PDB file of N, CA and C in Angstrom:
ATOM      1  N   UNK A   1      34.676  83.004 -11.041  1.00  0.00           N
ATOM      2  CA  UNK A   1      33.756  83.626 -11.998  1.00  0.00           C
ATOM      3  C   UNK A   1      33.317  82.560 -13.001  1.00  0.00           C
ATOM      4  N   UNK A   2      32.029  82.469 -13.211  1.00  0.00           N
ATOM      5  CA  UNK A   2      31.508  81.495 -14.167  1.00  0.00           C
ATOM      6  C   UNK A   2      31.787  81.961 -15.606  1.00  0.00           C
ATOM      7  N   UNK A   3      31.656  81.028 -16.516  1.00  0.00           N
ATOM      8  CA  UNK A   3      31.842  81.343 -17.936  1.00  0.00           C
ATOM      9  C   UNK A   3      30.829  82.402 -18.392  1.00  0.00           C
ATOM     10  N   UNK A   4      29.597  82.274 -17.933  1.00  0.00           N
ATOM     11  CA  UNK A   4      28.565  83.244 -18.282  1.00  0.00           C
ATOM     12  C   UNK A   4      28.913  84.626 -17.750  1.00  0.00           C
ATOM     13  N   UNK A   5      29.398  84.687 -16.526  1.00  0.00           N
ATOM     14  CA  UNK A   5      29.796  85.973 -15.938  1.00  0.00           C
ATOM     15  C   UNK A   5      30.962  86.589 -16.713  1.00  0.00           C
ATOM     16  N   UNK A   6      31.921  85.752 -17.110  1.00  0.00           N
ATOM     17  CA  UNK A   6      33.083  86.246 -17.869  1.00  0.00           C
ATOM     18  C   UNK A   6      32.640  86.837 -19.205  1.00  0.00           C
ATOM     19  N   UNK A   7      31.727  86.146 -19.868  1.00  0.00           N
ATOM     20  CA  UNK A   7      31.230  86.615 -21.167  1.00  0.00           C
ATOM     21  C   UNK A   7      30.485  87.938 -21.000  1.00  0.00           C
ATOM     22  N   UNK A   8      29.618  88.022 -19.987  1.00  0.00           N
ATOM     23  CA  UNK A   8      28.869  89.263 -19.748  1.00  0.00           C
ATOM     24  C   UNK A   8      29.817  90.410 -19.423  1.00  0.00           C
ATOM     25  N   UNK A   9      30.860  90.134 -18.644  1.00  0.00           N
ATOM     26  CA  UNK A   9      31.829  91.180 -18.292  1.00  0.00           C
ATOM     27  C   UNK A   9      32.582  91.658 -19.524  1.00  0.00           C
ATOM     28  N   UNK A  10      33.012  90.737 -20.386  1.00  0.00           N
ATOM     29  CA  UNK A  10      33.737  91.132 -21.597  1.00  0.00           C
ATOM     30  C   UNK A  10      32.840  91.911 -22.539  1.00  0.00           C
ATOM     31  N   UNK A  11      31.595  91.459 -22.694  1.00  0.00           N
ATOM     32  CA  UNK A  11      30.655  92.173 -23.546  1.00  0.00           C
ATOM     33  C   UNK A  11      30.451  93.592 -23.033  1.00  0.00           C
ATOM     34  N   UNK A  12      30.263  93.728 -21.730  1.00  0.00           N
ATOM     35  CA  UNK A  12      30.090  95.052 -21.130  1.00  0.00           C
ATOM     36  C   UNK A  12      31.287  95.956 -21.345  1.00  0.00           C
ATOM     37  N   UNK A  13      32.480  95.388 -21.223  1.00  0.00           N
ATOM     38  CA  UNK A  13      33.697  96.172 -21.479  1.00  0.00           C
ATOM     39  C   UNK A  13      33.733  96.645 -22.921  1.00  0.00           C
ATOM     40  N   UNK A  14      33.292  95.774 -23.838  1.00  0.00           N
ATOM     41  CA  UNK A  14      33.279  96.156 -25.251  1.00  0.00           C
ATOM     42  C   UNK A  14      32.288  97.284 -25.514  1.00  0.00           C
ATOM     43  N   UNK A  15      31.118  97.200 -24.907  1.00  0.00           N
ATOM     44  CA  UNK A  15      30.125  98.273 -25.077  1.00  0.00           C
ATOM     45  C   UNK A  15      30.710  99.593 -24.580  1.00  0.00           C
ATOM     46  N   UNK A  16      31.285  99.574 -23.386  1.00  0.00           N
ATOM     47  CA  UNK A  16      31.873 100.799 -22.817  1.00  0.00           C
ATOM     48  C   UNK A  16      32.998 101.331 -23.721  1.00  0.00           C
ATOM     49  N   UNK A  17      33.843 100.429 -24.197  1.00  0.00           N
ATOM     50  CA  UNK A  17      34.962 100.821 -25.066  1.00  0.00           C
ATOM     51  C   UNK A  17      34.463 101.559 -26.309  1.00  0.00           C
ATOM     52  N   UNK A  18      33.511 100.970 -27.016  1.00  0.00           N
ATOM     53  CA  UNK A  18      33.042 101.599 -28.254  1.00  0.00           C
ATOM     54  C   UNK A  18      32.190 102.836 -27.978  1.00  0.00           C
ATOM     55  N   UNK A  19      31.487 102.843 -26.867  1.00  0.00           N
ATOM     56  CA  UNK A  19      30.722 104.044 -26.505  1.00  0.00           C
ATOM     57  C   UNK A  19      31.670 105.215 -26.249  1.00  0.00           C
ATOM     58  N   UNK A  20      32.723 104.973 -25.492  1.00  0.00           N
ATOM     59  CA  UNK A  20      33.656 106.062 -25.190  1.00  0.00           C
ATOM     60  C   UNK A  20      34.463 106.463 -26.413  1.00  0.00           C
ATOM     61  N   UNK A  21      34.806 105.498 -27.267  1.00  0.00           N
ATOM     62  CA  UNK A  21      35.496 105.844 -28.518  1.00  0.00           C
ATOM     63  C   UNK A  21      34.640 106.761 -29.392  1.00  0.00           C
ATOM     64  N   UNK A  22      33.329 106.577 -29.331  1.00  0.00           N
ATOM     65  CA  UNK A  22      32.403 107.424 -30.091  1.00  0.00           C
ATOM     66  C   UNK A  22      32.121 108.742 -29.371  1.00  0.00           C
ATOM     67  N   UNK A  23      32.631 108.873 -28.147  1.00  0.00           N
ATOM     68  CA  UNK A  23      32.411 110.105 -27.382  1.00  0.00           C
ATOM     69  C   UNK A  23      30.992 110.251 -26.876  1.00  0.00           C
ATOM     70  N   UNK A  24      30.332 109.123 -26.638  1.00  0.00           N
ATOM     71  CA  UNK A  24      28.939 109.158 -26.197  1.00  0.00           C
ATOM     72  C   UNK A  24      28.832 108.908 -24.695  1.00  0.00           C
ATOM     73  N   UNK A  25      27.863 109.537 -24.075  1.00  0.00           N
ATOM     74  CA  UNK A  25      27.509 109.212 -22.697  1.00  0.00           C
ATOM     75  C   UNK A  25      26.528 108.041 -22.730  1.00  0.00           C
ATOM     76  N   UNK A  26      26.284 107.465 -21.569  1.00  0.00           N
ATOM     77  CA  UNK A  26      25.268 106.411 -21.510  1.00  0.00           C
ATOM     78  C   UNK A  26      23.895 106.962 -21.890  1.00  0.00           C
ATOM     79  N   UNK A  27      23.623 108.177 -21.513  1.00  0.00           N
ATOM     80  CA  UNK A  27      22.336 108.799 -21.859  1.00  0.00           C
ATOM     81  C   UNK A  27      22.204 108.934 -23.373  1.00  0.00           C
ATOM     82  N   UNK A  28      23.256 109.393 -24.030  1.00  0.00           N
ATOM     83  CA  UNK A  28      23.214 109.534 -25.489  1.00  0.00           C
ATOM     84  C   UNK A  28      23.043 108.173 -26.164  1.00  0.00           C
ATOM     85  N   UNK A  29      23.758 107.152 -25.662  1.00  0.00           N
ATOM     86  CA  UNK A  29      23.604 105.808 -26.224  1.00  0.00           C
ATOM     87  C   UNK A  29      22.185 105.308 -25.985  1.00  0.00           C
ATOM     88  N   UNK A  30      21.630 105.622 -24.851  1.00  0.00           N
ATOM     89  CA  UNK A  30      20.255 105.252 -24.552  1.00  0.00           C
ATOM     90  C   UNK A  30      19.290 105.863 -25.565  1.00  0.00           C
ATOM     91  N   UNK A  31      19.478 107.128 -25.838  1.00  0.00           N
ATOM     92  CA  UNK A  31      18.591 107.830 -26.775  1.00  0.00           C
ATOM     93  C   UNK A  31      18.671 107.252 -28.184  1.00  0.00           C
ATOM     94  N   UNK A  32      19.867 106.899 -28.628  1.00  0.00           N
ATOM     95  CA  UNK A  32      20.012 106.400 -29.996  1.00  0.00           C
ATOM     96  C   UNK A  32      19.688 104.917 -30.129  1.00  0.00           C
ATOM     97  N   UNK A  33      19.823 104.164 -29.041  1.00  0.00           N
ATOM     98  CA  UNK A  33      19.575 102.719 -29.108  1.00  0.00           C
ATOM     99  C   UNK A  33      18.143 102.344 -28.729  1.00  0.00           C
ATOM    100  N   UNK A  34      17.461 103.244 -28.008  1.00  0.00           N
ATOM    101  CA  UNK A  34      16.122 102.928 -27.529  1.00  0.00           C
ATOM    102  C   UNK A  34      16.125 102.100 -26.252  1.00  0.00           C
ATOM    103  N   UNK A  35      17.290 101.919 -25.646  1.00  0.00           N
ATOM    104  CA  UNK A  35      17.412 101.174 -24.397  1.00  0.00           C
ATOM    105  C   UNK A  35      17.491 102.154 -23.228  1.00  0.00           C
ATOM    106  N   UNK A  36      17.044 101.743 -22.079  1.00  0.00           N
ATOM    107  CA  UNK A  36      17.110 102.588 -20.891  1.00  0.00           C
ATOM    108  C   UNK A  36      18.568 102.792 -20.467  1.00  0.00           C
ATOM    109  N   UNK A  37      18.894 103.981 -19.986  1.00  0.00           N
ATOM    110  CA  UNK A  37      20.251 104.272 -19.523  1.00  0.00           C
ATOM    111  C   UNK A  37      20.654 103.332 -18.393  1.00  0.00           C
ATOM    112  N   UNK A  38      19.735 103.037 -17.492  1.00  0.00           N
ATOM    113  CA  UNK A  38      20.042 102.134 -16.378  1.00  0.00           C
ATOM    114  C   UNK A  38      20.406 100.741 -16.892  1.00  0.00           C
ATOM    115  N   UNK A  39      19.745 100.294 -17.958  1.00  0.00           N
ATOM    116  CA  UNK A  39      20.054  98.985 -18.551  1.00  0.00           C
ATOM    117  C   UNK A  39      21.442  99.004 -19.182  1.00  0.00           C
ATOM    118  N   UNK A  40      21.791 100.090 -19.848  1.00  0.00           N
ATOM    119  CA  UNK A  40      23.128 100.211 -20.433  1.00  0.00           C
ATOM    120  C   UNK A  40      24.183 100.154 -19.333  1.00  0.00           C
ATOM    121  N   UNK A  41      23.928 100.799 -18.220  1.00  0.00           N
ATOM    122  CA  UNK A  41      24.845 100.750 -17.091  1.00  0.00           C
ATOM    123  C   UNK A  41      25.024  99.319 -16.586  1.00  0.00           C
ATOM    124  N   UNK A  42      23.935  98.587 -16.461  1.00  0.00           N
ATOM    125  CA  UNK A  42      23.992  97.189 -16.023  1.00  0.00           C
ATOM    126  C   UNK A  42      24.786  96.349 -17.010  1.00  0.00           C
ATOM    127  N   UNK A  43      24.572  96.587 -18.301  1.00  0.00           N
ATOM    128  CA  UNK A  43      25.323  95.864 -19.338  1.00  0.00           C
ATOM    129  C   UNK A  43      26.809  96.145 -19.206  1.00  0.00           C
ATOM    130  N   UNK A  44      27.159  97.414 -19.101  1.00  0.00           N
ATOM    131  CA  UNK A  44      28.574  97.790 -19.034  1.00  0.00           C
ATOM    132  C   UNK A  44      29.258  97.235 -17.784  1.00  0.00           C
ATOM    133  N   UNK A  45      28.512  97.016 -16.729  1.00  0.00           N
ATOM    134  CA  UNK A  45      29.083  96.426 -15.511  1.00  0.00           C
ATOM    135  C   UNK A  45      29.134  94.908 -15.595  1.00  0.00           C
ATOM    136  N   UNK A  46      28.626  94.342 -16.681  1.00  0.00           N
ATOM    137  CA  UNK A  46      28.665  92.898 -16.871  1.00  0.00           C
ATOM    138  C   UNK A  46      27.716  92.139 -15.974  1.00  0.00           C
ATOM    139  N   UNK A  47      26.619  92.775 -15.611  1.00  0.00           N
ATOM    140  CA  UNK A  47      25.687  92.186 -14.652  1.00  0.00           C
ATOM    141  C   UNK A  47      24.489  91.507 -15.295  1.00  0.00           C
ATOM    142  N   UNK A  48      24.472  91.409 -16.613  1.00  0.00           N
ATOM    143  CA  UNK A  48      23.328  90.789 -17.279  1.00  0.00           C
ATOM    144  C   UNK A  48      23.760  90.181 -18.608  1.00  0.00           C
ATOM    145  N   UNK A  49      22.983  89.201 -19.042  1.00  0.00           N
ATOM    146  CA  UNK A  49      23.121  88.677 -20.397  1.00  0.00           C
ATOM    147  C   UNK A  49      22.127  89.438 -21.255  1.00  0.00           C
ATOM    148  N   UNK A  50      22.470  89.633 -22.497  1.00  0.00           N
ATOM    149  CA  UNK A  50      21.590  90.403 -23.372  1.00  0.00           C
ATOM    150  C   UNK A  50      21.100  89.559 -24.530  1.00  0.00           C
ATOM    151  N   UNK A  51      19.998  89.984 -25.110  1.00  0.00           N
ATOM    152  CA  UNK A  51      19.430  89.297 -26.269  1.00  0.00           C
ATOM    153  C   UNK A  51      20.153  89.723 -27.541  1.00  0.00           C
ATOM    154  N   UNK A  52      19.929  88.969 -28.591  1.00  0.00           N
ATOM    155  CA  UNK A  52      20.481  89.341 -29.892  1.00  0.00           C
ATOM    156  C   UNK A  52      19.929  90.691 -30.346  1.00  0.00           C
ATOM    157  N   UNK A  53      18.674  90.947 -30.055  1.00  0.00           N
ATOM    158  CA  UNK A  53      18.072  92.226 -30.441  1.00  0.00           C
ATOM    159  C   UNK A  53      18.783  93.385 -29.741  1.00  0.00           C
ATOM    160  N   UNK A  54      19.177  93.183 -28.489  1.00  0.00           N
ATOM    161  CA  UNK A  54      19.901  94.222 -27.753  1.00  0.00           C
ATOM    162  C   UNK A  54      21.281  94.437 -28.346  1.00  0.00           C
ATOM    163  N   UNK A  55      21.951  93.356 -28.707  1.00  0.00           N
ATOM    164  CA  UNK A  55      23.272  93.471 -29.344  1.00  0.00           C
ATOM    165  C   UNK A  55      23.162  94.287 -30.623  1.00  0.00           C
ATOM    166  N   UNK A  56      22.165  93.983 -31.433  1.00  0.00           N
ATOM    167  CA  UNK A  56      21.972  94.698 -32.697  1.00  0.00           C
ATOM    168  C   UNK A  56      21.632  96.163 -32.443  1.00  0.00           C
ATOM    169  N   UNK A  57      20.777  96.444 -31.472  1.00  0.00           N
ATOM    170  CA  UNK A  57      20.407  97.835 -31.162  1.00  0.00           C
ATOM    171  C   UNK A  57      21.627  98.635 -30.719  1.00  0.00           C
ATOM    172  N   UNK A  58      22.461  98.037 -29.873  1.00  0.00           N
ATOM    173  CA  UNK A  58      23.672  98.729 -29.427  1.00  0.00           C
ATOM    174  C   UNK A  58      24.640  98.955 -30.584  1.00  0.00           C
ATOM    175  N   UNK A  59      24.856  97.934 -31.381  1.00  0.00           N
ATOM    176  CA  UNK A  59      25.780  98.059 -32.513  1.00  0.00           C
ATOM    177  C   UNK A  59      25.296  99.119 -33.501  1.00  0.00           C
ATOM    178  N   UNK A  60      24.009  99.118 -33.790  1.00  0.00           N
ATOM    179  CA  UNK A  60      23.453 100.129 -34.700  1.00  0.00           C
ATOM    180  C   UNK A  60      23.657 101.530 -34.134  1.00  0.00           C
ATOM    181  N   UNK A  61      23.381 101.695 -32.850  1.00  0.00           N
ATOM    182  CA  UNK A  61      23.530 103.005 -32.218  1.00  0.00           C
ATOM    183  C   UNK A  61      24.987 103.451 -32.192  1.00  0.00           C
ATOM    184  N   UNK A  62      25.894 102.492 -32.063  1.00  0.00           N
ATOM    185  CA  UNK A  62      27.335 102.804 -32.045  1.00  0.00           C
ATOM    186  C   UNK A  62      27.934 102.874 -33.448  1.00  0.00           C
ATOM    187  N   UNK A  63      27.113 102.522 -34.448  1.00  0.00           N
ATOM    188  CA  UNK A  63      27.535 102.527 -35.855  1.00  0.00           C
ATOM    189  C   UNK A  63      28.740 101.636 -36.074  1.00  0.00           C
ATOM    190  N   UNK A  64      28.648 100.413 -35.518  1.00  0.00           N
ATOM    191  CA  UNK A  64      29.699  99.404 -35.686  1.00  0.00           C
ATOM    192  C   UNK A  64      29.041  98.074 -36.025  1.00  0.00           C
ATOM    193  N   UNK A  65      29.812  97.144 -36.630  1.00  0.00           N
ATOM    194  CA  UNK A  65      29.272  95.793 -36.837  1.00  0.00           C
ATOM    195  C   UNK A  65      29.035  95.108 -35.485  1.00  0.00           C
ATOM    196  N   UNK A  66      27.974  94.363 -35.379  1.00  0.00           N
ATOM    197  CA  UNK A  66      27.639  93.669 -34.131  1.00  0.00           C
ATOM    198  C   UNK A  66      28.783  92.813 -33.618  1.00  0.00           C
ATOM    199  N   UNK A  67      29.512  92.210 -34.516  1.00  0.00           N
ATOM    200  CA  UNK A  67      30.586  91.293 -34.125  1.00  0.00           C
ATOM    201  C   UNK A  67      31.642  91.980 -33.256  1.00  0.00           C
ATOM    202  N   UNK A  68      31.824  93.286 -33.407  1.00  0.00           N
ATOM    203  CA  UNK A  68      32.818  93.978 -32.584  1.00  0.00           C
ATOM    204  C   UNK A  68      32.450  93.955 -31.107  1.00  0.00           C
ATOM    205  N   UNK A  69      31.164  93.902 -30.806  1.00  0.00           N
ATOM    206  CA  UNK A  69      30.751  93.844 -29.410  1.00  0.00           C
ATOM    207  C   UNK A  69      31.010  92.471 -28.796  1.00  0.00           C
ATOM    208  N   UNK A  70      31.307  91.494 -29.641  1.00  0.00           N
ATOM    209  CA  UNK A  70      31.556  90.133 -29.171  1.00  0.00           C
ATOM    210  C   UNK A  70      33.040  89.783 -29.117  1.00  0.00           C
ATOM    211  N   UNK A  71      33.904  90.757 -29.355  1.00  0.00           N
ATOM    212  CA  UNK A  71      35.342  90.503 -29.291  1.00  0.00           C
ATOM    213  C   UNK A  71      35.721  89.953 -27.918  1.00  0.00           C
ATOM    214  N   UNK A  72      36.465  88.867 -27.912  1.00  0.00           N
ATOM    215  CA  UNK A  72      36.986  88.324 -26.667  1.00  0.00           C
ATOM    216  C   UNK A  72      36.012  87.490 -25.859  1.00  0.00           C
ATOM    217  N   UNK A  73      34.825  87.259 -26.366  1.00  0.00           N
ATOM    218  CA  UNK A  73      33.865  86.456 -25.591  1.00  0.00           C
ATOM    219  C   UNK A  73      33.962  84.969 -25.910  1.00  0.00           C
ATOM    220  N   UNK A  74      34.816  84.595 -26.837  1.00  0.00           N
ATOM    221  CA  UNK A  74      34.988  83.183 -27.164  1.00  0.00           C
ATOM    222  C   UNK A  74      35.509  82.420 -25.949  1.00  0.00           C
ATOM    223  N   UNK A  75      35.175  81.156 -25.915  1.00  0.00           N
ATOM    224  CA  UNK A  75      35.694  80.304 -24.852  1.00  0.00           C
ATOM    225  C   UNK A  75      37.205  80.165 -25.019  1.00  0.00           C
ATOM    226  N   UNK A  76      37.931  80.151 -23.910  1.00  0.00           N
ATOM    227  CA  UNK A  76      39.377  79.959 -24.009  1.00  0.00           C
ATOM    228  C   UNK A  76      39.704  78.619 -24.642  1.00  0.00           C
ATOM    229  N   UNK A  77      40.733  78.580 -25.453  1.00  0.00           N
ATOM    230  CA  UNK A  77      41.172  77.336 -26.089  1.00  0.00           C
ATOM    231  C   UNK A  77      41.739  76.413 -25.021  1.00  0.00           C
ATOM    232  N   UNK A  78      41.394  75.151 -25.134  1.00  0.00           N
ATOM    233  CA  UNK A  78      41.900  74.171 -24.153  1.00  0.00           C
ATOM    234  C   UNK A  78      43.094  73.442 -24.691  1.00  0.00           C
TER     235      UNK A  78
END
């Protein structure tokens, strides 16, 4: 797995984690974030890189600081 793939997978896991903690479906997150449900699904599966605007839209919709969606995406310490 490439570094980019690892980061996308961790980001997707974080989105899913906070979405489920909020008790939201992907459809509900789609409605509040303005993003397509299919795109949210792709994000949660770690199949895409997202823009900063997308990170902010998701964080706003989840009512969390953007930085929480980036937990664990740092490069491993060497």
